[in-house]
Amino acid sequence: MALMPICVDLGDSMCALGDLADAKALYEGALALDPDAPKVAVTLCGLGRVPEHLGNLQGAKASYQKTLTMAETQDGPESDGLVLACTHLGNLLLQLGDRRRGVAYLKRGAARIRALDERTD
């Protein structure tokens, strides 16, 4: 049984419920289980949501940027992690008032989704 996706799902649930300490522990536990898993970027995005929910937008930004770099270099340009990292980083940059870069990342994520959708048709 793959425990990493279960930890990530539970982390997402804890984050949604506002239990950020448990969410962080679950995301970190998922990464410790398999730091080279194909969905590590998804887990890192979840981990970035914790400081974002705590109001630490600069910490969240650093986490999303790290996730984006990792997804670009390890997962490739068509990964789910790349789409998530672009989306989370774009939304965060909008919160920080950087509209130009925020929109650019959101457009990049949307373009990846369209490209993936066209491949599956």
PDB file of N, CA and C in Angstrom:
ATOM      1  N   MET A   1       0.845  -1.172   0.000  1.00  0.00           N
ATOM      2  CA  MET A   1       0.000   0.000   0.000  1.00  0.00           C
ATOM      3  C   MET A   1       0.894   1.239   0.000  1.00  0.00           C
ATOM      4  N   ALA A   2       0.548   2.186  -0.832  1.00  0.00           N
ATOM      5  CA  ALA A   2       1.308   3.431  -0.915  1.00  0.00           C
ATOM      6  C   ALA A   2       0.811   4.397   0.159  1.00  0.00           C
ATOM      7  N   LEU A   3       1.667   4.671   1.125  1.00  0.00           N
ATOM      8  CA  LEU A   3       1.280   5.552   2.229  1.00  0.00           C
ATOM      9  C   LEU A   3       1.403   7.027   1.883  1.00  0.00           C
ATOM     10  N   MET A   4       2.292   7.367   0.956  1.00  0.00           N
ATOM     11  CA  MET A   4       2.511   8.781   0.643  1.00  0.00           C
ATOM     12  C   MET A   4       1.220   9.486   0.205  1.00  0.00           C
ATOM     13  N   PRO A   5       0.454   8.935  -0.745  1.00  0.00           N
ATOM     14  CA  PRO A   5      -0.771   9.638  -1.145  1.00  0.00           C
ATOM     15  C   PRO A   5      -1.786   9.761  -0.013  1.00  0.00           C
ATOM     16  N   ILE A   6      -1.806   8.776   0.870  1.00  0.00           N
ATOM     17  CA  ILE A   6      -2.732   8.844   2.005  1.00  0.00           C
ATOM     18  C   ILE A   6      -2.324   9.981   2.938  1.00  0.00           C
ATOM     19  N   CYS A   7      -1.037  10.108   3.204  1.00  0.00           N
ATOM     20  CA  CYS A   7      -0.543  11.204   4.049  1.00  0.00           C
ATOM     21  C   CYS A   7      -0.855  12.560   3.428  1.00  0.00           C
ATOM     22  N   VAL A   8      -0.684  12.662   2.111  1.00  0.00           N
ATOM     23  CA  VAL A   8      -0.966  13.929   1.423  1.00  0.00           C
ATOM     24  C   VAL A   8      -2.449  14.254   1.516  1.00  0.00           C
ATOM     25  N   ASP A   9      -3.302  13.268   1.269  1.00  0.00           N
ATOM     26  CA  ASP A   9      -4.753  13.496   1.362  1.00  0.00           C
ATOM     27  C   ASP A   9      -5.157  13.913   2.772  1.00  0.00           C
ATOM     28  N   LEU A  10      -4.590  13.253   3.773  1.00  0.00           N
ATOM     29  CA  LEU A  10      -4.884  13.630   5.156  1.00  0.00           C
ATOM     30  C   LEU A  10      -4.350  15.025   5.475  1.00  0.00           C
ATOM     31  N   GLY A  11      -3.168  15.348   4.939  1.00  0.00           N
ATOM     32  CA  GLY A  11      -2.617  16.689   5.126  1.00  0.00           C
ATOM     33  C   GLY A  11      -3.524  17.747   4.521  1.00  0.00           C
ATOM     34  N   ASP A  12      -4.048  17.458   3.329  1.00  0.00           N
ATOM     35  CA  ASP A  12      -4.991  18.391   2.690  1.00  0.00           C
ATOM     36  C   ASP A  12      -6.237  18.580   3.553  1.00  0.00           C
ATOM     37  N   SER A  13      -6.731  17.480   4.103  1.00  0.00           N
ATOM     38  CA  SER A  13      -7.918  17.555   4.964  1.00  0.00           C
ATOM     39  C   SER A  13      -7.643  18.366   6.225  1.00  0.00           C
ATOM     40  N   MET A  14      -6.497  18.120   6.849  1.00  0.00           N
ATOM     41  CA  MET A  14      -6.152  18.855   8.063  1.00  0.00           C
ATOM     42  C   MET A  14      -5.986  20.345   7.772  1.00  0.00           C
ATOM     43  N   CYS A  15      -5.390  20.647   6.630  1.00  0.00           N
ATOM     44  CA  CYS A  15      -5.214  22.044   6.235  1.00  0.00           C
ATOM     45  C   CYS A  15      -6.574  22.712   6.051  1.00  0.00           C
ATOM     46  N   ALA A  16      -7.488  22.019   5.385  1.00  0.00           N
ATOM     47  CA  ALA A  16      -8.829  22.563   5.162  1.00  0.00           C
ATOM     48  C   ALA A  16      -9.578  22.775   6.473  1.00  0.00           C
ATOM     49  N   LEU A  17      -9.299  21.926   7.459  1.00  0.00           N
ATOM     50  CA  LEU A  17      -9.944  22.052   8.762  1.00  0.00           C
ATOM     51  C   LEU A  17      -9.257  23.075   9.667  1.00  0.00           C
ATOM     52  N   GLY A  18      -8.127  23.596   9.211  1.00  0.00           N
ATOM     53  CA  GLY A  18      -7.405  24.587   9.997  1.00  0.00           C
ATOM     54  C   GLY A  18      -6.417  23.996  10.977  1.00  0.00           C
ATOM     55  N   ASP A  19      -6.214  22.691  10.933  1.00  0.00           N
ATOM     56  CA  ASP A  19      -5.249  22.040  11.821  1.00  0.00           C
ATOM     57  C   ASP A  19      -3.900  22.021  11.098  1.00  0.00           C
ATOM     58  N   LEU A  20      -3.241  23.163  11.106  1.00  0.00           N
ATOM     59  CA  LEU A  20      -2.038  23.343  10.298  1.00  0.00           C
ATOM     60  C   LEU A  20      -0.832  22.585  10.830  1.00  0.00           C
ATOM     61  N   ALA A  21      -0.754  22.403  12.132  1.00  0.00           N
ATOM     62  CA  ALA A  21       0.369  21.644  12.695  1.00  0.00           C
ATOM     63  C   ALA A  21       0.313  20.192  12.230  1.00  0.00           C
ATOM     64  N   ASP A  22      -0.874  19.589  12.290  1.00  0.00           N
ATOM     65  CA  ASP A  22      -1.003  18.206  11.820  1.00  0.00           C
ATOM     66  C   ASP A  22      -0.830  18.123  10.309  1.00  0.00           C
ATOM     67  N   ALA A  23      -1.326  19.120   9.588  1.00  0.00           N
ATOM     68  CA  ALA A  23      -1.151  19.130   8.128  1.00  0.00           C
ATOM     69  C   ALA A  23       0.332  19.140   7.778  1.00  0.00           C
ATOM     70  N   LYS A  24       1.069  20.015   8.430  1.00  0.00           N
ATOM     71  CA  LYS A  24       2.510  20.100   8.171  1.00  0.00           C
ATOM     72  C   LYS A  24       3.199  18.780   8.490  1.00  0.00           C
ATOM     73  N   ALA A  25       2.859  18.181   9.620  1.00  0.00           N
ATOM     74  CA  ALA A  25       3.471  16.910  10.006  1.00  0.00           C
ATOM     75  C   ALA A  25       3.155  15.811   8.986  1.00  0.00           C
ATOM     76  N   LEU A  26       1.938  15.799   8.464  1.00  0.00           N
ATOM     77  CA  LEU A  26       1.561  14.788   7.480  1.00  0.00           C
ATOM     78  C   LEU A  26       2.299  14.996   6.156  1.00  0.00           C
ATOM     79  N   TYR A  27       2.406  16.243   5.712  1.00  0.00           N
ATOM     80  CA  TYR A  27       3.146  16.516   4.474  1.00  0.00           C
ATOM     81  C   TYR A  27       4.625  16.137   4.638  1.00  0.00           C
ATOM     82  N   GLU A  28       5.201  16.529   5.767  1.00  0.00           N
ATOM     83  CA  GLU A  28       6.604  16.190   6.009  1.00  0.00           C
ATOM     84  C   GLU A  28       6.793  14.679   6.120  1.00  0.00           C
ATOM     85  N   GLY A  29       5.830  14.006   6.736  1.00  0.00           N
ATOM     86  CA  GLY A  29       5.889  12.555   6.822  1.00  0.00           C
ATOM     87  C   GLY A  29       5.821  11.900   5.448  1.00  0.00           C
ATOM     88  N   ALA A  30       4.986  12.450   4.577  1.00  0.00           N
ATOM     89  CA  ALA A  30       4.877  11.926   3.213  1.00  0.00           C
ATOM     90  C   ALA A  30       6.205  12.077   2.479  1.00  0.00           C
ATOM     91  N   LEU A  31       6.839  13.223   2.642  1.00  0.00           N
ATOM     92  CA  LEU A  31       8.133  13.446   1.989  1.00  0.00           C
ATOM     93  C   LEU A  31       9.201  12.508   2.541  1.00  0.00           C
ATOM     94  N   ALA A  32       9.149  12.243   3.838  1.00  0.00           N
ATOM     95  CA  ALA A  32      10.133  11.339   4.446  1.00  0.00           C
ATOM     96  C   ALA A  32       9.936   9.899   3.958  1.00  0.00           C
ATOM     97  N   LEU A  33       8.690   9.519   3.675  1.00  0.00           N
ATOM     98  CA  LEU A  33       8.418   8.166   3.196  1.00  0.00           C
ATOM     99  C   LEU A  33       9.058   7.904   1.836  1.00  0.00           C
ATOM    100  N   ASP A  34       8.975   8.899   0.957  1.00  0.00           N
ATOM    101  CA  ASP A  34       9.501   8.695  -0.398  1.00  0.00           C
ATOM    102  C   ASP A  34       9.868  10.047  -1.009  1.00  0.00           C
ATOM    103  N   PRO A  35      11.067  10.552  -0.695  1.00  0.00           N
ATOM    104  CA  PRO A  35      11.457  11.880  -1.182  1.00  0.00           C
ATOM    105  C   PRO A  35      11.676  11.947  -2.691  1.00  0.00           C
ATOM    106  N   ASP A  36      11.684  10.797  -3.359  1.00  0.00           N
ATOM    107  CA  ASP A  36      11.884  10.779  -4.810  1.00  0.00           C
ATOM    108  C   ASP A  36      10.633  10.341  -5.565  1.00  0.00           C
ATOM    109  N   ALA A  37       9.504  10.307  -4.896  1.00  0.00           N
ATOM    110  CA  ALA A  37       8.261   9.868  -5.539  1.00  0.00           C
ATOM    111  C   ALA A  37       7.863  10.834  -6.648  1.00  0.00           C
ATOM    112  N   PRO A  38       7.141  10.327  -7.643  1.00  0.00           N
ATOM    113  CA  PRO A  38       6.731  11.178  -8.763  1.00  0.00           C
ATOM    114  C   PRO A  38       5.848  12.359  -8.350  1.00  0.00           C
ATOM    115  N   LYS A  39       5.150  12.257  -7.252  1.00  0.00           N
ATOM    116  CA  LYS A  39       4.222  13.311  -6.842  1.00  0.00           C
ATOM    117  C   LYS A  39       4.768  14.186  -5.720  1.00  0.00           C
ATOM    118  N   VAL A  40       6.088  14.270  -5.596  1.00  0.00           N
ATOM    119  CA  VAL A  40       6.677  15.083  -4.538  1.00  0.00           C
ATOM    120  C   VAL A  40       6.254  16.550  -4.678  1.00  0.00           C
ATOM    121  N   ALA A  41       6.157  17.048  -5.897  1.00  0.00           N
ATOM    122  CA  ALA A  41       5.769  18.450  -6.099  1.00  0.00           C
ATOM    123  C   ALA A  41       4.377  18.718  -5.537  1.00  0.00           C
ATOM    124  N   VAL A  42       3.476  17.754  -5.661  1.00  0.00           N
ATOM    125  CA  VAL A  42       2.130  17.911  -5.109  1.00  0.00           C
ATOM    126  C   VAL A  42       2.221  18.039  -3.588  1.00  0.00           C
ATOM    127  N   THR A  43       3.063  17.222  -2.979  1.00  0.00           N
ATOM    128  CA  THR A  43       3.247  17.274  -1.530  1.00  0.00           C
ATOM    129  C   THR A  43       3.872  18.594  -1.106  1.00  0.00           C
ATOM    130  N   LEU A  44       4.856  19.064  -1.865  1.00  0.00           N
ATOM    131  CA  LEU A  44       5.505  20.337  -1.534  1.00  0.00           C
ATOM    132  C   LEU A  44       4.529  21.507  -1.658  1.00  0.00           C
ATOM    133  N   CYS A  45       3.613  21.441  -2.622  1.00  0.00           N
ATOM    134  CA  CYS A  45       2.588  22.495  -2.723  1.00  0.00           C
ATOM    135  C   CYS A  45       1.713  22.491  -1.475  1.00  0.00           C
ATOM    136  N   GLY A  46       1.352  21.306  -1.013  1.00  0.00           N
ATOM    137  CA  GLY A  46       0.579  21.219   0.223  1.00  0.00           C
ATOM    138  C   GLY A  46       1.338  21.809   1.388  1.00  0.00           C
ATOM    139  N   LEU A  47       2.622  21.497   1.458  1.00  0.00           N
ATOM    140  CA  LEU A  47       3.455  22.033   2.527  1.00  0.00           C
ATOM    141  C   LEU A  47       3.544  23.559   2.443  1.00  0.00           C
ATOM    142  N   GLY A  48       3.550  24.103   1.250  1.00  0.00           N
ATOM    143  CA  GLY A  48       3.576  25.556   1.075  1.00  0.00           C
ATOM    144  C   GLY A  48       2.290  26.236   1.516  1.00  0.00           C
ATOM    145  N   ARG A  49       1.196  25.492   1.494  1.00  0.00           N
ATOM    146  CA  ARG A  49      -0.078  26.073   1.925  1.00  0.00           C
ATOM    147  C   ARG A  49      -0.093  26.376   3.420  1.00  0.00           C
ATOM    148  N   VAL A  50       0.712  25.644   4.190  1.00  0.00           N
ATOM    149  CA  VAL A  50       0.718  25.845   5.644  1.00  0.00           C
ATOM    150  C   VAL A  50       1.167  27.264   5.995  1.00  0.00           C
ATOM    151  N   PRO A  51       2.354  27.723   5.553  1.00  0.00           N
ATOM    152  CA  PRO A  51       2.715  29.111   5.890  1.00  0.00           C
ATOM    153  C   PRO A  51       1.761  30.125   5.256  1.00  0.00           C
ATOM    154  N   GLU A  52       1.214  29.794   4.098  1.00  0.00           N
ATOM    155  CA  GLU A  52       0.253  30.720   3.475  1.00  0.00           C
ATOM    156  C   GLU A  52      -0.967  30.913   4.377  1.00  0.00           C
ATOM    157  N   HIS A  53      -1.498  29.823   4.931  1.00  0.00           N
ATOM    158  CA  HIS A  53      -2.649  29.918   5.834  1.00  0.00           C
ATOM    159  C   HIS A  53      -2.300  30.606   7.140  1.00  0.00           C
ATOM    160  N   LEU A  54      -1.022  30.548   7.511  1.00  0.00           N
ATOM    161  CA  LEU A  54      -0.582  31.225   8.734  1.00  0.00           C
ATOM    162  C   LEU A  54      -0.271  32.700   8.496  1.00  0.00           C
ATOM    163  N   GLY A  55      -0.391  33.156   7.254  1.00  0.00           N
ATOM    164  CA  GLY A  55      -0.109  34.552   6.926  1.00  0.00           C
ATOM    165  C   GLY A  55       1.339  34.823   6.583  1.00  0.00           C
ATOM    166  N   ASN A  56       2.159  33.788   6.538  1.00  0.00           N
ATOM    167  CA  ASN A  56       3.570  33.938   6.175  1.00  0.00           C
ATOM    168  C   ASN A  56       3.689  33.809   4.655  1.00  0.00           C
ATOM    169  N   LEU A  57       3.324  34.868   3.962  1.00  0.00           N
ATOM    170  CA  LEU A  57       3.270  34.813   2.504  1.00  0.00           C
ATOM    171  C   LEU A  57       4.654  34.678   1.879  1.00  0.00           C
ATOM    172  N   GLN A  58       5.666  35.275   2.496  1.00  0.00           N
ATOM    173  CA  GLN A  58       7.022  35.130   1.958  1.00  0.00           C
ATOM    174  C   GLN A  58       7.521  33.689   2.110  1.00  0.00           C
ATOM    175  N   GLY A  59       7.187  33.054   3.218  1.00  0.00           N
ATOM    176  CA  GLY A  59       7.547  31.652   3.408  1.00  0.00           C
ATOM    177  C   GLY A  59       6.847  30.752   2.407  1.00  0.00           C
ATOM    178  N   ALA A  60       5.571  31.032   2.164  1.00  0.00           N
ATOM    179  CA  ALA A  60       4.815  30.262   1.175  1.00  0.00           C
ATOM    180  C   ALA A  60       5.391  30.483  -0.221  1.00  0.00           C
ATOM    181  N   LYS A  61       5.746  31.717  -0.519  1.00  0.00           N
ATOM    182  CA  LYS A  61       6.325  32.037  -1.834  1.00  0.00           C
ATOM    183  C   LYS A  61       7.614  31.243  -2.059  1.00  0.00           C
ATOM    184  N   ALA A  62       8.468  31.212  -1.047  1.00  0.00           N
ATOM    185  CA  ALA A  62       9.725  30.461  -1.159  1.00  0.00           C
ATOM    186  C   ALA A  62       9.441  28.978  -1.381  1.00  0.00           C
ATOM    187  N   SER A  63       8.448  28.447  -0.682  1.00  0.00           N
ATOM    188  CA  SER A  63       8.096  27.041  -0.830  1.00  0.00           C
ATOM    189  C   SER A  63       7.569  26.746  -2.231  1.00  0.00           C
ATOM    190  N   TYR A  64       6.708  27.605  -2.743  1.00  0.00           N
ATOM    191  CA  TYR A  64       6.158  27.394  -4.085  1.00  0.00           C
ATOM    192  C   TYR A  64       7.231  27.555  -5.162  1.00  0.00           C
ATOM    193  N   GLN A  65       8.153  28.497  -4.959  1.00  0.00           N
ATOM    194  CA  GLN A  65       9.248  28.662  -5.925  1.00  0.00           C
ATOM    195  C   GLN A  65      10.146  27.422  -5.934  1.00  0.00           C
ATOM    196  N   LYS A  66      10.418  26.874  -4.766  1.00  0.00           N
ATOM    197  CA  LYS A  66      11.216  25.649  -4.665  1.00  0.00           C
ATOM    198  C   LYS A  66      10.485  24.505  -5.373  1.00  0.00           C
ATOM    199  N   THR A  67       9.189  24.423  -5.162  1.00  0.00           N
ATOM    200  CA  THR A  67       8.389  23.385  -5.803  1.00  0.00           C
ATOM    201  C   THR A  67       8.426  23.527  -7.314  1.00  0.00           C
ATOM    202  N   LEU A  68       8.297  24.748  -7.786  1.00  0.00           N
ATOM    203  CA  LEU A  68       8.318  24.993  -9.229  1.00  0.00           C
ATOM    204  C   LEU A  68       9.657  24.569  -9.831  1.00  0.00           C
ATOM    205  N   THR A  69      10.743  24.960  -9.188  1.00  0.00           N
ATOM    206  CA  THR A  69      12.074  24.590  -9.673  1.00  0.00           C
ATOM    207  C   THR A  69      12.235  23.074  -9.707  1.00  0.00           C
ATOM    208  N   MET A  70      11.802  22.414  -8.641  1.00  0.00           N
ATOM    209  CA  MET A  70      11.899  20.960  -8.579  1.00  0.00           C
ATOM    210  C   MET A  70      11.045  20.306  -9.665  1.00  0.00           C
ATOM    211  N   ALA A  71       9.834  20.801  -9.866  1.00  0.00           N
ATOM    212  CA  ALA A  71       8.949  20.218 -10.878  1.00  0.00           C
ATOM    213  C   ALA A  71       9.521  20.406 -12.278  1.00  0.00           C
ATOM    214  N   GLU A  72      10.115  21.561 -12.530  1.00  0.00           N
ATOM    215  CA  GLU A  72      10.700  21.821 -13.845  1.00  0.00           C
ATOM    216  C   GLU A  72      11.889  20.911 -14.130  1.00  0.00           C
ATOM    217  N   THR A  73      12.706  20.683 -13.117  1.00  0.00           N
ATOM    218  CA  THR A  73      13.946  19.937 -13.343  1.00  0.00           C
ATOM    219  C   THR A  73      13.771  18.432 -13.200  1.00  0.00           C
ATOM    220  N   GLN A  74      12.891  18.000 -12.305  1.00  0.00           N
ATOM    221  CA  GLN A  74      12.761  16.566 -12.055  1.00  0.00           C
ATOM    222  C   GLN A  74      11.537  15.947 -12.719  1.00  0.00           C
ATOM    223  N   ASP A  75      10.423  16.663 -12.716  1.00  0.00           N
ATOM    224  CA  ASP A  75       9.175  16.081 -13.207  1.00  0.00           C
ATOM    225  C   ASP A  75       8.940  16.338 -14.689  1.00  0.00           C
ATOM    226  N   GLY A  76       9.526  17.391 -15.199  1.00  0.00           N
ATOM    227  CA  GLY A  76       9.330  17.713 -16.608  1.00  0.00           C
ATOM    228  C   GLY A  76       8.202  18.706 -16.818  1.00  0.00           C
ATOM    229  N   PRO A  77       8.112  19.235 -18.031  1.00  0.00           N
ATOM    230  CA  PRO A  77       7.183  20.320 -18.319  1.00  0.00           C
ATOM    231  C   PRO A  77       5.711  19.915 -18.352  1.00  0.00           C
ATOM    232  N   GLU A  78       5.411  18.639 -18.276  1.00  0.00           N
ATOM    233  CA  GLU A  78       4.017  18.216 -18.372  1.00  0.00           C
ATOM    234  C   GLU A  78       3.486  17.613 -17.075  1.00  0.00           C
ATOM    235  N   SER A  79       4.144  17.892 -15.988  1.00  0.00           N
ATOM    236  CA  SER A  79       3.762  17.253 -14.732  1.00  0.00           C
ATOM    237  C   SER A  79       2.618  17.984 -14.036  1.00  0.00           C
ATOM    238  N   ASP A  80       1.881  17.222 -13.233  1.00  0.00           N
ATOM    239  CA  ASP A  80       0.846  17.814 -12.385  1.00  0.00           C
ATOM    240  C   ASP A  80       1.468  18.808 -11.415  1.00  0.00           C
ATOM    241  N   GLY A  81       2.635  18.457 -10.917  1.00  0.00           N
ATOM    242  CA  GLY A  81       3.313  19.323  -9.957  1.00  0.00           C
ATOM    243  C   GLY A  81       3.638  20.685 -10.531  1.00  0.00           C
ATOM    244  N   LEU A  82       4.006  20.723 -11.801  1.00  0.00           N
ATOM    245  CA  LEU A  82       4.305  22.001 -12.449  1.00  0.00           C
ATOM    246  C   LEU A  82       3.043  22.862 -12.527  1.00  0.00           C
ATOM    247  N   VAL A  83       1.933  22.242 -12.892  1.00  0.00           N
ATOM    248  CA  VAL A  83       0.661  22.976 -12.964  1.00  0.00           C
ATOM    249  C   VAL A  83       0.292  23.520 -11.590  1.00  0.00           C
ATOM    250  N   LEU A  84       0.386  22.669 -10.562  1.00  0.00           N
ATOM    251  CA  LEU A  84       0.050  23.110  -9.205  1.00  0.00           C
ATOM    252  C   LEU A  84       0.977  24.218  -8.719  1.00  0.00           C
ATOM    253  N   ALA A  85       2.274  24.054  -8.955  1.00  0.00           N
ATOM    254  CA  ALA A  85       3.226  25.070  -8.502  1.00  0.00           C
ATOM    255  C   ALA A  85       2.948  26.412  -9.177  1.00  0.00           C
ATOM    256  N   CYS A  86       2.695  26.393 -10.476  1.00  0.00           N
ATOM    257  CA  CYS A  86       2.379  27.638 -11.190  1.00  0.00           C
ATOM    258  C   CYS A  86       1.104  28.279 -10.642  1.00  0.00           C
ATOM    259  N   THR A  87       0.103  27.452 -10.372  1.00  0.00           N
ATOM    260  CA  THR A  87      -1.173  27.965  -9.874  1.00  0.00           C
ATOM    261  C   THR A  87      -1.030  28.561  -8.480  1.00  0.00           C
ATOM    262  N   HIS A  88      -0.391  27.812  -7.581  1.00  0.00           N
ATOM    263  CA  HIS A  88      -0.218  28.318  -6.213  1.00  0.00           C
ATOM    264  C   HIS A  88       0.667  29.565  -6.192  1.00  0.00           C
ATOM    265  N   LEU A  89       1.769  29.531  -6.938  1.00  0.00           N
ATOM    266  CA  LEU A  89       2.662  30.690  -6.961  1.00  0.00           C
ATOM    267  C   LEU A  89       1.969  31.891  -7.588  1.00  0.00           C
ATOM    268  N   GLY A  90       1.237  31.658  -8.662  1.00  0.00           N
ATOM    269  CA  GLY A  90       0.513  32.757  -9.308  1.00  0.00           C
ATOM    270  C   GLY A  90      -0.497  33.413  -8.379  1.00  0.00           C
ATOM    271  N   ASN A  91      -1.288  32.597  -7.700  1.00  0.00           N
ATOM    272  CA  ASN A  91      -2.269  33.136  -6.762  1.00  0.00           C
ATOM    273  C   ASN A  91      -1.606  33.886  -5.619  1.00  0.00           C
ATOM    274  N   LEU A  92      -0.504  33.360  -5.123  1.00  0.00           N
ATOM    275  CA  LEU A  92       0.200  34.011  -4.027  1.00  0.00           C
ATOM    276  C   LEU A  92       0.779  35.356  -4.464  1.00  0.00           C
ATOM    277  N   LEU A  93       1.357  35.388  -5.663  1.00  0.00           N
ATOM    278  CA  LEU A  93       1.900  36.655  -6.167  1.00  0.00           C
ATOM    279  C   LEU A  93       0.798  37.702  -6.321  1.00  0.00           C
ATOM    280  N   LEU A  94      -0.396  37.275  -6.710  1.00  0.00           N
ATOM    281  CA  LEU A  94      -1.516  38.215  -6.769  1.00  0.00           C
ATOM    282  C   LEU A  94      -1.826  38.767  -5.382  1.00  0.00           C
ATOM    283  N   GLN A  95      -1.799  37.894  -4.370  1.00  0.00           N
ATOM    284  CA  GLN A  95      -2.019  38.350  -2.991  1.00  0.00           C
ATOM    285  C   GLN A  95      -0.966  39.360  -2.560  1.00  0.00           C
ATOM    286  N   LEU A  96       0.253  39.165  -3.051  1.00  0.00           N
ATOM    287  CA  LEU A  96       1.348  40.065  -2.688  1.00  0.00           C
ATOM    288  C   LEU A  96       1.362  41.343  -3.528  1.00  0.00           C
ATOM    289  N   GLY A  97       0.429  41.455  -4.459  1.00  0.00           N
ATOM    290  CA  GLY A  97       0.332  42.660  -5.275  1.00  0.00           C
ATOM    291  C   GLY A  97       1.163  42.629  -6.544  1.00  0.00           C
ATOM    292  N   ASP A  98       1.777  41.504  -6.866  1.00  0.00           N
ATOM    293  CA  ASP A  98       2.577  41.391  -8.079  1.00  0.00           C
ATOM    294  C   ASP A  98       1.700  40.801  -9.182  1.00  0.00           C
ATOM    295  N   ARG A  99       0.839  41.657  -9.716  1.00  0.00           N
ATOM    296  CA  ARG A  99      -0.158  41.208 -10.688  1.00  0.00           C
ATOM    297  C   ARG A  99       0.488  40.657 -11.960  1.00  0.00           C
ATOM    298  N   ARG A 100       1.489  41.329 -12.468  1.00  0.00           N
ATOM    299  CA  ARG A 100       2.110  40.921 -13.732  1.00  0.00           C
ATOM    300  C   ARG A 100       2.668  39.500 -13.640  1.00  0.00           C
ATOM    301  N   ARG A 101       3.460  39.243 -12.630  1.00  0.00           N
ATOM    302  CA  ARG A 101       4.059  37.904 -12.488  1.00  0.00           C
ATOM    303  C   ARG A 101       3.016  36.868 -12.077  1.00  0.00           C
ATOM    304  N   GLY A 102       2.069  37.263 -11.232  1.00  0.00           N
ATOM    305  CA  GLY A 102       1.020  36.336 -10.817  1.00  0.00           C
ATOM    306  C   GLY A 102       0.205  35.844 -12.003  1.00  0.00           C
ATOM    307  N   VAL A 103      -0.206  36.771 -12.839  1.00  0.00           N
ATOM    308  CA  VAL A 103      -0.981  36.395 -14.030  1.00  0.00           C
ATOM    309  C   VAL A 103      -0.135  35.539 -14.969  1.00  0.00           C
ATOM    310  N   ALA A 104       1.139  35.866 -15.096  1.00  0.00           N
ATOM    311  CA  ALA A 104       2.016  35.084 -15.977  1.00  0.00           C
ATOM    312  C   ALA A 104       2.100  33.624 -15.512  1.00  0.00           C
ATOM    313  N   TYR A 105       2.243  33.402 -14.210  1.00  0.00           N
ATOM    314  CA  TYR A 105       2.302  32.029 -13.704  1.00  0.00           C
ATOM    315  C   TYR A 105       0.959  31.318 -13.868  1.00  0.00           C
ATOM    316  N   LEU A 106      -0.136  32.036 -13.634  1.00  0.00           N
ATOM    317  CA  LEU A 106      -1.447  31.417 -13.816  1.00  0.00           C
ATOM    318  C   LEU A 106      -1.676  31.039 -15.281  1.00  0.00           C
ATOM    319  N   LYS A 107      -1.248  31.893 -16.189  1.00  0.00           N
ATOM    320  CA  LYS A 107      -1.376  31.575 -17.615  1.00  0.00           C
ATOM    321  C   LYS A 107      -0.507  30.377 -17.987  1.00  0.00           C
ATOM    322  N   ARG A 108       0.671  30.310 -17.399  1.00  0.00           N
ATOM    323  CA  ARG A 108       1.554  29.178 -17.673  1.00  0.00           C
ATOM    324  C   ARG A 108       0.913  27.871 -17.207  1.00  0.00           C
ATOM    325  N   GLY A 109       0.338  27.887 -16.029  1.00  0.00           N
ATOM    326  CA  GLY A 109      -0.352  26.697 -15.525  1.00  0.00           C
ATOM    327  C   GLY A 109      -1.536  26.325 -16.399  1.00  0.00           C
ATOM    328  N   ALA A 110      -2.304  27.324 -16.811  1.00  0.00           N
ATOM    329  CA  ALA A 110      -3.465  27.060 -17.671  1.00  0.00           C
ATOM    330  C   ALA A 110      -3.035  26.501 -19.019  1.00  0.00           C
ATOM    331  N   ALA A 111      -1.935  26.995 -19.561  1.00  0.00           N
ATOM    332  CA  ALA A 111      -1.429  26.490 -20.840  1.00  0.00           C
ATOM    333  C   ALA A 111      -1.031  25.023 -20.714  1.00  0.00           C
ATOM    334  N   ARG A 112      -0.430  24.649 -19.581  1.00  0.00           N
ATOM    335  CA  ARG A 112      -0.047  23.242 -19.371  1.00  0.00           C
ATOM    336  C   ARG A 112      -1.289  22.361 -19.303  1.00  0.00           C
ATOM    337  N   ILE A 113      -2.333  22.856 -18.651  1.00  0.00           N
ATOM    338  CA  ILE A 113      -3.573  22.086 -18.557  1.00  0.00           C
ATOM    339  C   ILE A 113      -4.161  21.878 -19.950  1.00  0.00           C
ATOM    340  N   ARG A 114      -4.193  22.934 -20.751  1.00  0.00           N
ATOM    341  CA  ARG A 114      -4.721  22.807 -22.125  1.00  0.00           C
ATOM    342  C   ARG A 114      -3.896  21.822 -22.933  1.00  0.00           C
ATOM    343  N   ALA A 115      -2.581  21.897 -22.807  1.00  0.00           N
ATOM    344  CA  ALA A 115      -1.707  20.990 -23.553  1.00  0.00           C
ATOM    345  C   ALA A 115      -1.926  19.540 -23.127  1.00  0.00           C
ATOM    346  N   LEU A 116      -2.081  19.317 -21.829  1.00  0.00           N
ATOM    347  CA  LEU A 116      -2.333  17.961 -21.347  1.00  0.00           C
ATOM    348  C   LEU A 116      -3.690  17.472 -21.823  1.00  0.00           C
ATOM    349  N   ASP A 117      -4.673  18.350 -21.836  1.00  0.00           N
ATOM    350  CA  ASP A 117      -6.021  17.994 -22.284  1.00  0.00           C
ATOM    351  C   ASP A 117      -6.010  17.621 -23.771  1.00  0.00           C
ATOM    352  N   GLU A 118      -5.265  18.368 -24.571  1.00  0.00           N
ATOM    353  CA  GLU A 118      -5.191  18.093 -26.013  1.00  0.00           C
ATOM    354  C   GLU A 118      -4.531  16.751 -26.282  1.00  0.00           C
ATOM    355  N   ARG A 119      -3.569  16.383 -25.453  1.00  0.00           N
ATOM    356  CA  ARG A 119      -2.878  15.085 -25.633  1.00  0.00           C
ATOM    357  C   ARG A 119      -3.780  13.912 -25.325  1.00  0.00           C
ATOM    358  N   THR A 120      -4.748  14.098 -24.429  1.00  0.00           N
ATOM    359  CA  THR A 120      -5.606  12.994 -24.046  1.00  0.00           C
ATOM    360  C   THR A 120      -6.816  12.852 -24.949  1.00  0.00           C
ATOM    361  N   ASP A 121      -7.045  13.821 -25.828  1.00  0.00           N
ATOM    362  CA  ASP A 121      -8.179  13.728 -26.773  1.00  0.00           C
ATOM    363  C   ASP A 121      -7.941  12.734 -27.856  1.00  0.00           C
TER     364      ASP A 121
END
